[in-house]
mmCIF file of all heavy atoms, coordinates in Angstrom:
data_MODEL
# 
_entry.id   MODEL 
# 
loop_
_atom_site.group_PDB 
_atom_site.id 
_atom_site.type_symbol 
_atom_site.label_atom_id 
_atom_site.label_alt_id 
_atom_site.label_comp_id 
_atom_site.label_asym_id 
_atom_site.label_entity_id 
_atom_site.label_seq_id 
_atom_site.pdbx_PDB_ins_code 
_atom_site.Cartn_x 
_atom_site.Cartn_y 
_atom_site.Cartn_z 
_atom_site.occupancy 
_atom_site.B_iso_or_equiv 
_atom_site.pdbx_formal_charge 
_atom_site.auth_seq_id 
_atom_site.auth_comp_id 
_atom_site.auth_asym_id 
_atom_site.auth_atom_id 
_atom_site.pdbx_PDB_model_num 
ATOM 1   N N   . VAL A 1 1  ? -36.842 -57.945 -104.028 1.00 0.00 ? 1  VAL A N   1 
ATOM 2   C CA  . VAL A 1 1  ? -36.192 -56.819 -103.354 1.00 0.00 ? 1  VAL A CA  1 
ATOM 3   C C   . VAL A 1 1  ? -36.423 -56.922 -101.856 1.00 0.00 ? 1  VAL A C   1 
ATOM 4   O O   . VAL A 1 1  ? -37.428 -57.458 -101.392 1.00 0.00 ? 1  VAL A O   1 
ATOM 5   C CB  . VAL A 1 1  ? -36.726 -55.467 -103.909 1.00 0.00 ? 1  VAL A CB  1 
ATOM 6   C CG1 . VAL A 1 1  ? -38.191 -55.265 -103.561 1.00 0.00 ? 1  VAL A CG1 1 
ATOM 7   C CG2 . VAL A 1 1  ? -35.904 -54.292 -103.415 1.00 0.00 ? 1  VAL A CG2 1 
ATOM 8   N N   . GLY A 1 2  ? -35.461 -56.420 -101.105 1.00 0.00 ? 2  GLY A N   1 
ATOM 9   C CA  . GLY A 1 2  ? -35.560 -56.429 -99.648  1.00 0.00 ? 2  GLY A CA  1 
ATOM 10  C C   . GLY A 1 2  ? -34.205 -56.141 -99.044  1.00 0.00 ? 2  GLY A C   1 
ATOM 11  O O   . GLY A 1 2  ? -33.196 -56.086 -99.747  1.00 0.00 ? 2  GLY A O   1 
ATOM 12  N N   . PRO A 1 3  ? -34.154 -55.957 -97.732  1.00 0.00 ? 3  PRO A N   1 
ATOM 13  C CA  . PRO A 1 3  ? -32.874 -55.663 -97.078  1.00 0.00 ? 3  PRO A CA  1 
ATOM 14  C C   . PRO A 1 3  ? -31.953 -56.870 -97.091  1.00 0.00 ? 3  PRO A C   1 
ATOM 15  O O   . PRO A 1 3  ? -32.377 -58.001 -97.398  1.00 0.00 ? 3  PRO A O   1 
ATOM 16  C CB  . PRO A 1 3  ? -33.297 -55.295 -95.652  1.00 0.00 ? 3  PRO A CB  1 
ATOM 17  C CG  . PRO A 1 3  ? -34.602 -55.991 -95.456  1.00 0.00 ? 3  PRO A CG  1 
ATOM 18  C CD  . PRO A 1 3  ? -35.277 -56.006 -96.794  1.00 0.00 ? 3  PRO A CD  1 
ATOM 19  N N   . SER A 1 4  ? -30.691 -56.659 -96.746  1.00 0.00 ? 4  SER A N   1 
ATOM 20  C CA  . SER A 1 4  ? -29.723 -57.752 -96.673  1.00 0.00 ? 4  SER A CA  1 
ATOM 21  C C   . SER A 1 4  ? -30.216 -58.824 -95.712  1.00 0.00 ? 4  SER A C   1 
ATOM 22  O O   . SER A 1 4  ? -30.737 -58.518 -94.637  1.00 0.00 ? 4  SER A O   1 
ATOM 23  C CB  . SER A 1 4  ? -28.364 -57.226 -96.202  1.00 0.00 ? 4  SER A CB  1 
ATOM 24  O OG  . SER A 1 4  ? -27.855 -56.306 -97.132  1.00 0.00 ? 4  SER A OG  1 
ATOM 25  N N   . GLY A 1 5  ? -30.066 -60.093 -96.127  1.00 0.00 ? 5  GLY A N   1 
ATOM 26  C CA  . GLY A 1 5  ? -30.457 -61.199 -95.261  1.00 0.00 ? 5  GLY A CA  1 
ATOM 27  C C   . GLY A 1 5  ? -31.916 -61.571 -95.330  1.00 0.00 ? 5  GLY A C   1 
ATOM 28  O O   . GLY A 1 5  ? -32.382 -62.395 -94.540  1.00 0.00 ? 5  GLY A O   1 
ATOM 29  N N   . CYS A 1 6  ? -32.665 -61.012 -96.299  1.00 0.00 ? 6  CYS A N   1 
ATOM 30  C CA  . CYS A 1 6  ? -34.110 -61.297 -96.359  1.00 0.00 ? 6  CYS A CA  1 
ATOM 31  C C   . CYS A 1 6  ? -34.427 -62.585 -97.110  1.00 0.00 ? 6  CYS A C   1 
ATOM 32  O O   . CYS A 1 6  ? -35.574 -63.033 -97.112  1.00 0.00 ? 6  CYS A O   1 
ATOM 33  C CB  . CYS A 1 6  ? -34.863 -60.130 -96.990  1.00 0.00 ? 6  CYS A CB  1 
ATOM 34  S SG  . CYS A 1 6  ? -34.582 -59.947 -98.765  1.00 0.00 ? 6  CYS A SG  1 
ATOM 35  N N   . GLY A 1 7  ? -33.435 -63.187 -97.779  1.00 0.00 ? 7  GLY A N   1 
ATOM 36  C CA  . GLY A 1 7  ? -33.650 -64.447 -98.471  1.00 0.00 ? 7  GLY A CA  1 
ATOM 37  C C   . GLY A 1 7  ? -33.816 -64.336 -99.976  1.00 0.00 ? 7  GLY A C   1 
ATOM 38  O O   . GLY A 1 7  ? -34.049 -65.339 -100.660 1.00 0.00 ? 7  GLY A O   1 
ATOM 39  N N   . LYS A 1 8  ? -33.649 -63.140 -100.540 1.00 0.00 ? 8  LYS A N   1 
ATOM 40  C CA  . LYS A 1 8  ? -33.913 -62.954 -101.968 1.00 0.00 ? 8  LYS A CA  1 
ATOM 41  C C   . LYS A 1 8  ? -32.875 -63.676 -102.847 1.00 0.00 ? 8  LYS A C   1 
ATOM 42  O O   . LYS A 1 8  ? -33.246 -64.364 -103.806 1.00 0.00 ? 8  LYS A O   1 
ATOM 43  C CB  . LYS A 1 8  ? -33.981 -61.460 -102.313 1.00 0.00 ? 8  LYS A CB  1 
ATOM 44  C CG  . LYS A 1 8  ? -32.771 -60.630 -101.905 1.00 0.00 ? 8  LYS A CG  1 
ATOM 45  C CD  . LYS A 1 8  ? -33.032 -59.145 -102.084 1.00 0.00 ? 8  LYS A CD  1 
ATOM 46  C CE  . LYS A 1 8  ? -31.776 -58.323 -101.808 1.00 0.00 ? 8  LYS A CE  1 
ATOM 47  N NZ  . LYS A 1 8  ? -31.341 -58.406 -100.391 1.00 0.00 ? 8  LYS A NZ  1 
ATOM 48  N N   . SER A 1 9  ? -31.585 -63.551 -102.509 1.00 0.00 ? 9  SER A N   1 
ATOM 49  C CA  . SER A 1 9  ? -30.558 -64.235 -103.308 1.00 0.00 ? 9  SER A CA  1 
ATOM 50  C C   . SER A 1 9  ? -30.628 -65.744 -103.115 1.00 0.00 ? 9  SER A C   1 
ATOM 51  O O   . SER A 1 9  ? -30.405 -66.512 -104.055 1.00 0.00 ? 9  SER A O   1 
ATOM 52  C CB  . SER A 1 9  ? -29.161 -63.721 -102.937 1.00 0.00 ? 9  SER A CB  1 
ATOM 53  O OG  . SER A 1 9  ? -28.971 -62.407 -103.404 1.00 0.00 ? 9  SER A OG  1 
ATOM 54  N N   . THR A 1 10 ? -30.952 -66.179 -101.898 1.00 0.00 ? 10 THR A N   1 
ATOM 55  C CA  . THR A 1 10 ? -31.107 -67.615 -101.640 1.00 0.00 ? 10 THR A CA  1 
ATOM 56  C C   . THR A 1 10 ? -32.214 -68.191 -102.506 1.00 0.00 ? 10 THR A C   1 
ATOM 57  O O   . THR A 1 10 ? -32.074 -69.281 -103.085 1.00 0.00 ? 10 THR A O   1 
ATOM 58  C CB  . THR A 1 10 ? -31.421 -67.861 -100.154 1.00 0.00 ? 10 THR A CB  1 
ATOM 59  O OG1 . THR A 1 10 ? -30.363 -67.317 -99.359  1.00 0.00 ? 10 THR A OG1 1 
ATOM 60  C CG2 . THR A 1 10 ? -31.563 -69.340 -99.857  1.00 0.00 ? 10 THR A CG2 1 
ATOM 61  N N   . THR A 1 11 ? -33.324 -67.471 -102.620 1.00 0.00 ? 11 THR A N   1 
ATOM 62  C CA  . THR A 1 11 ? -34.434 -67.932 -103.464 1.00 0.00 ? 11 THR A CA  1 
ATOM 63  C C   . THR A 1 11 ? -34.003 -68.020 -104.920 1.00 0.00 ? 11 THR A C   1 
ATOM 64  O O   . THR A 1 11 ? -34.308 -69.000 -105.620 1.00 0.00 ? 11 THR A O   1 
ATOM 65  C CB  . THR A 1 11 ? -35.641 -66.988 -103.321 1.00 0.00 ? 11 THR A CB  1 
ATOM 66  O OG1 . THR A 1 11 ? -36.007 -66.877 -101.940 1.00 0.00 ? 11 THR A OG1 1 
ATOM 67  C CG2 . THR A 1 11 ? -36.828 -67.494 -104.111 1.00 0.00 ? 11 THR A CG2 1 
ATOM 68  N N   . LEU A 1 12 ? -33.297 -67.003 -105.397 1.00 0.00 ? 12 LEU A N   1 
ATOM 69  C CA  . LEU A 1 12 ? -32.814 -67.016 -106.782 1.00 0.00 ? 12 LEU A CA  1 
ATOM 70  C C   . LEU A 1 12 ? -31.883 -68.203 -107.014 1.00 0.00 ? 12 LEU A C   1 
ATOM 71  O O   . LEU A 1 12 ? -31.964 -68.876 -108.048 1.00 0.00 ? 12 LEU A O   1 
ATOM 72  C CB  . LEU A 1 12 ? -32.089 -65.696 -107.091 1.00 0.00 ? 12 LEU A CB  1 
ATOM 73  C CG  . LEU A 1 12 ? -31.743 -65.489 -108.563 1.00 0.00 ? 12 LEU A CG  1 
ATOM 74  C CD1 . LEU A 1 12 ? -32.966 -64.992 -109.316 1.00 0.00 ? 12 LEU A CD1 1 
ATOM 75  C CD2 . LEU A 1 12 ? -30.603 -64.490 -108.728 1.00 0.00 ? 12 LEU A CD2 1 
ATOM 76  N N   . ARG A 1 13 ? -31.007 -68.468 -106.056 1.00 0.00 ? 13 ARG A N   1 
ATOM 77  C CA  . ARG A 1 13 ? -30.051 -69.569 -106.193 1.00 0.00 ? 13 ARG A CA  1 
ATOM 78  C C   . ARG A 1 13 ? -30.762 -70.925 -106.160 1.00 0.00 ? 13 ARG A C   1 
ATOM 79  O O   . ARG A 1 13 ? -30.294 -71.889 -106.776 1.00 0.00 ? 13 ARG A O   1 
ATOM 80  C CB  . ARG A 1 13 ? -28.987 -69.468 -105.103 1.00 0.00 ? 13 ARG A CB  1 
ATOM 81  C CG  . ARG A 1 13 ? -28.038 -68.282 -105.310 1.00 0.00 ? 13 ARG A CG  1 
ATOM 82  C CD  . ARG A 1 13 ? -27.109 -68.086 -104.120 1.00 0.00 ? 13 ARG A CD  1 
ATOM 83  N NE  . ARG A 1 13 ? -26.190 -69.202 -103.964 1.00 0.00 ? 13 ARG A NE  1 
ATOM 84  C CZ  . ARG A 1 13 ? -25.045 -69.350 -104.628 1.00 0.00 ? 13 ARG A CZ  1 
ATOM 85  N NH1 . ARG A 1 13 ? -24.679 -68.427 -105.505 1.00 0.00 ? 13 ARG A NH1 1 
ATOM 86  N NH2 . ARG A 1 13 ? -24.274 -70.385 -104.414 1.00 0.00 ? 13 ARG A NH2 1 
ATOM 87  N N   . MET A 1 14 ? -31.889 -71.023 -105.463 1.00 0.00 ? 14 MET A N   1 
ATOM 88  C CA  . MET A 1 14 ? -32.658 -72.265 -105.503 1.00 0.00 ? 14 MET A CA  1 
ATOM 89  C C   . MET A 1 14 ? -33.292 -72.470 -106.878 1.00 0.00 ? 14 MET A C   1 
ATOM 90  O O   . MET A 1 14 ? -33.376 -73.596 -107.365 1.00 0.00 ? 14 MET A O   1 
ATOM 91  C CB  . MET A 1 14 ? -33.716 -72.266 -104.394 1.00 0.00 ? 14 MET A CB  1 
ATOM 92  C CG  . MET A 1 14 ? -33.146 -72.509 -103.004 1.00 0.00 ? 14 MET A CG  1 
ATOM 93  S SD  . MET A 1 14 ? -34.408 -72.862 -101.748 1.00 0.00 ? 14 MET A SD  1 
ATOM 94  C CE  . MET A 1 14 ? -35.126 -71.235 -101.494 1.00 0.00 ? 14 MET A CE  1 
ATOM 95  N N   . ILE A 1 15 ? -33.732 -71.377 -107.515 1.00 0.00 ? 15 ILE A N   1 
ATOM 96  C CA  . ILE A 1 15 ? -34.259 -71.485 -108.882 1.00 0.00 ? 15 ILE A CA  1 
ATOM 97  C C   . ILE A 1 15 ? -33.156 -71.952 -109.821 1.00 0.00 ? 15 ILE A C   1 
ATOM 98  O O   . ILE A 1 15 ? -33.371 -72.803 -110.697 1.00 0.00 ? 15 ILE A O   1 
ATOM 99  C CB  . ILE A 1 15 ? -34.829 -70.132 -109.357 1.00 0.00 ? 15 ILE A CB  1 
ATOM 100 C CG1 . ILE A 1 15 ? -36.029 -69.710 -108.501 1.00 0.00 ? 15 ILE A CG1 1 
ATOM 101 C CG2 . ILE A 1 15 ? -35.241 -70.209 -110.831 1.00 0.00 ? 15 ILE A CG2 1 
ATOM 102 C CD1 . ILE A 1 15 ? -36.524 -68.299 -108.791 1.00 0.00 ? 15 ILE A CD1 1 
ATOM 103 N N   . ALA A 1 16 ? -31.948 -71.417 -109.604 1.00 0.00 ? 16 ALA A N   1 
ATOM 104 C CA  . ALA A 1 16 ? -30.814 -71.747 -110.475 1.00 0.00 ? 16 ALA A CA  1 
ATOM 105 C C   . ALA A 1 16 ? -30.258 -73.142 -110.225 1.00 0.00 ? 16 ALA A C   1 
ATOM 106 O O   . ALA A 1 16 ? -29.570 -73.703 -111.091 1.00 0.00 ? 16 ALA A O   1 
ATOM 107 C CB  . ALA A 1 16 ? -29.706 -70.715 -110.278 1.00 0.00 ? 16 ALA A CB  1 
ATOM 108 N N   . GLY A 1 17 ? -30.525 -73.710 -109.036 1.00 0.00 ? 17 GLY A N   1 
ATOM 109 C CA  . GLY A 1 17 ? -29.949 -75.004 -108.691 1.00 0.00 ? 17 GLY A CA  1 
ATOM 110 C C   . GLY A 1 17 ? -28.632 -74.892 -107.958 1.00 0.00 ? 17 GLY A C   1 
ATOM 111 O O   . GLY A 1 17 ? -27.942 -75.899 -107.731 1.00 0.00 ? 17 GLY A O   1 
ATOM 112 N N   . LEU A 1 18 ? -28.258 -73.673 -107.570 1.00 0.00 ? 18 LEU A N   1 
ATOM 113 C CA  . LEU A 1 18 ? -27.005 -73.470 -106.837 1.00 0.00 ? 18 LEU A CA  1 
ATOM 114 C C   . LEU A 1 18 ? -27.191 -73.660 -105.338 1.00 0.00 ? 18 LEU A C   1 
ATOM 115 O O   . LEU A 1 18 ? -26.212 -73.735 -104.597 1.00 0.00 ? 18 LEU A O   1 
ATOM 116 C CB  . LEU A 1 18 ? -26.464 -72.058 -107.118 1.00 0.00 ? 18 LEU A CB  1 
ATOM 117 C CG  . LEU A 1 18 ? -26.185 -71.756 -108.593 1.00 0.00 ? 18 LEU A CG  1 
ATOM 118 C CD1 . LEU A 1 18 ? -25.781 -70.299 -108.768 1.00 0.00 ? 18 LEU A CD1 1 
ATOM 119 C CD2 . LEU A 1 18 ? -25.098 -72.677 -109.141 1.00 0.00 ? 18 LEU A CD2 1 
ATOM 120 N N   . GLU A 1 19 ? -28.438 -73.681 -104.872 1.00 0.00 ? 19 GLU A N   1 
ATOM 121 C CA  . GLU A 1 19 ? -28.772 -73.987 -103.480 1.00 0.00 ? 19 GLU A CA  1 
ATOM 122 C C   . GLU A 1 19 ? -29.768 -75.136 -103.471 1.00 0.00 ? 19 GLU A C   1 
ATOM 123 O O   . GLU A 1 19 ? -30.714 -75.148 -104.267 1.00 0.00 ? 19 GLU A O   1 
ATOM 124 C CB  . GLU A 1 19 ? -29.411 -72.778 -102.775 1.00 0.00 ? 19 GLU A CB  1 
ATOM 125 C CG  . GLU A 1 19 ? -28.472 -71.651 -102.455 1.00 0.00 ? 19 GLU A CG  1 
ATOM 126 C CD  . GLU A 1 19 ? -27.695 -71.863 -101.156 1.00 0.00 ? 19 GLU A CD  1 
ATOM 127 O OE1 . GLU A 1 19 ? -27.873 -72.931 -100.518 1.00 0.00 ? 19 GLU A OE1 1 
ATOM 128 O OE2 . GLU A 1 19 ? -26.912 -70.975 -100.817 1.00 0.00 ? 19 GLU A OE2 1 
ATOM 129 N N   . GLU A 1 20 ? -29.553 -76.097 -102.583 1.00 0.00 ? 20 GLU A N   1 
ATOM 130 C CA  . GLU A 1 20 ? -30.486 -77.209 -102.468 1.00 0.00 ? 20 GLU A CA  1 
ATOM 131 C C   . GLU A 1 20 ? -31.787 -76.730 -101.831 1.00 0.00 ? 20 GLU A C   1 
ATOM 132 O O   . GLU A 1 20 ? -31.781 -75.919 -100.903 1.00 0.00 ? 20 GLU A O   1 
ATOM 133 C CB  . GLU A 1 20 ? -29.864 -78.315 -101.610 1.00 0.00 ? 20 GLU A CB  1 
ATOM 134 C CG  . GLU A 1 20 ? -30.684 -79.582 -101.539 1.00 0.00 ? 20 GLU A CG  1 
ATOM 135 C CD  . GLU A 1 20 ? -30.025 -80.661 -100.716 1.00 0.00 ? 20 GLU A CD  1 
ATOM 136 O OE1 . GLU A 1 20 ? -28.795 -80.544 -100.460 1.00 0.00 ? 20 GLU A OE1 1 
ATOM 137 O OE2 . GLU A 1 20 ? -30.715 -81.607 -100.305 1.00 0.00 ? 20 GLU A OE2 1 
ATOM 138 N N   . ILE A 1 21 ? -32.912 -77.224 -102.341 1.00 0.00 ? 21 ILE A N   1 
ATOM 139 C CA  . ILE A 1 21 ? -34.227 -76.859 -101.811 1.00 0.00 ? 21 ILE A CA  1 
ATOM 140 C C   . ILE A 1 21 ? -34.558 -77.782 -100.648 1.00 0.00 ? 21 ILE A C   1 
ATOM 141 O O   . ILE A 1 21 ? -34.547 -79.003 -100.789 1.00 0.00 ? 21 ILE A O   1 
ATOM 142 C CB  . ILE A 1 21 ? -35.297 -76.980 -102.909 1.00 0.00 ? 21 ILE A CB  1 
ATOM 143 C CG1 . ILE A 1 21 ? -34.977 -76.027 -104.068 1.00 0.00 ? 21 ILE A CG1 1 
ATOM 144 C CG2 . ILE A 1 21 ? -36.683 -76.666 -102.358 1.00 0.00 ? 21 ILE A CG2 1 
ATOM 145 C CD1 . ILE A 1 21 ? -35.757 -76.322 -105.330 1.00 0.00 ? 21 ILE A CD1 1 
ATOM 146 N N   . SER A 1 22 ? -34.849 -77.209 -99.476  1.00 0.00 ? 22 SER A N   1 
ATOM 147 C CA  . SER A 1 22 ? -35.173 -78.024 -98.302  1.00 0.00 ? 22 SER A CA  1 
ATOM 148 C C   . SER A 1 22 ? -36.569 -78.614 -98.394  1.00 0.00 ? 22 SER A C   1 
ATOM 149 O O   . SER A 1 22 ? -36.820 -79.729 -97.927  1.00 0.00 ? 22 SER A O   1 
ATOM 150 C CB  . SER A 1 22 ? -35.051 -77.182 -97.023  1.00 0.00 ? 22 SER A CB  1 
ATOM 151 O OG  . SER A 1 22 ? -33.763 -76.616 -96.910  1.00 0.00 ? 22 SER A OG  1 
ATOM 152 N N   . ASP A 1 23 ? -37.498 -77.868 -98.971  1.00 0.00 ? 23 ASP A N   1 
ATOM 153 C CA  . ASP A 1 23 ? -38.880 -78.349 -99.098  1.00 0.00 ? 23 ASP A CA  1 
ATOM 154 C C   . ASP A 1 23 ? -39.564 -77.561 -100.208 1.00 0.00 ? 23 ASP A C   1 
ATOM 155 O O   . ASP A 1 23 ? -39.155 -76.444 -100.540 1.00 0.00 ? 23 ASP A O   1 
ATOM 156 C CB  . ASP A 1 23 ? -39.630 -78.164 -97.777  1.00 0.00 ? 23 ASP A CB  1 
ATOM 157 C CG  . ASP A 1 23 ? -40.885 -79.023 -97.685  1.00 0.00 ? 23 ASP A CG  1 
ATOM 158 O OD1 . ASP A 1 23 ? -41.078 -79.856 -98.597  1.00 0.00 ? 23 ASP A OD1 1 
ATOM 159 O OD2 . ASP A 1 23 ? -41.663 -78.859 -96.732  1.00 0.00 ? 23 ASP A OD2 1 
ATOM 160 N N   . GLY A 1 24 ? -40.627 -78.151 -100.780 1.00 0.00 ? 24 GLY A N   1 
ATOM 161 C CA  . GLY A 1 24 ? -41.359 -77.484 -101.843 1.00 0.00 ? 24 GLY A CA  1 
ATOM 162 C C   . GLY A 1 24 ? -40.822 -77.850 -103.218 1.00 0.00 ? 24 GLY A C   1 
ATOM 163 O O   . GLY A 1 24 ? -39.930 -78.693 -103.360 1.00 0.00 ? 24 GLY A O   1 
ATOM 164 N N   . THR A 1 25 ? -41.371 -77.216 -104.243 1.00 0.00 ? 25 THR A N   1 
ATOM 165 C CA  . THR A 1 25 ? -40.967 -77.513 -105.621 1.00 0.00 ? 25 THR A CA  1 
ATOM 166 C C   . THR A 1 25 ? -40.708 -76.239 -106.414 1.00 0.00 ? 25 THR A C   1 
ATOM 167 O O   . THR A 1 25 ? -41.357 -75.212 -106.199 1.00 0.00 ? 25 THR A O   1 
ATOM 168 C CB  . THR A 1 25 ? -42.052 -78.329 -106.363 1.00 0.00 ? 25 THR A CB  1 
ATOM 169 O OG1 . THR A 1 25 ? -43.283 -77.586 -106.366 1.00 0.00 ? 25 THR A OG1 1 
ATOM 170 C CG2 . THR A 1 25 ? -42.257 -79.683 -105.715 1.00 0.00 ? 25 THR A CG2 1 
# 
């Protein structure tokens, strides 16, 4: 949870594989 633009959906999409992960696992 957080305001718009905080990165929450981006994080979810990285878990899903819909966004490429720049670093980390």
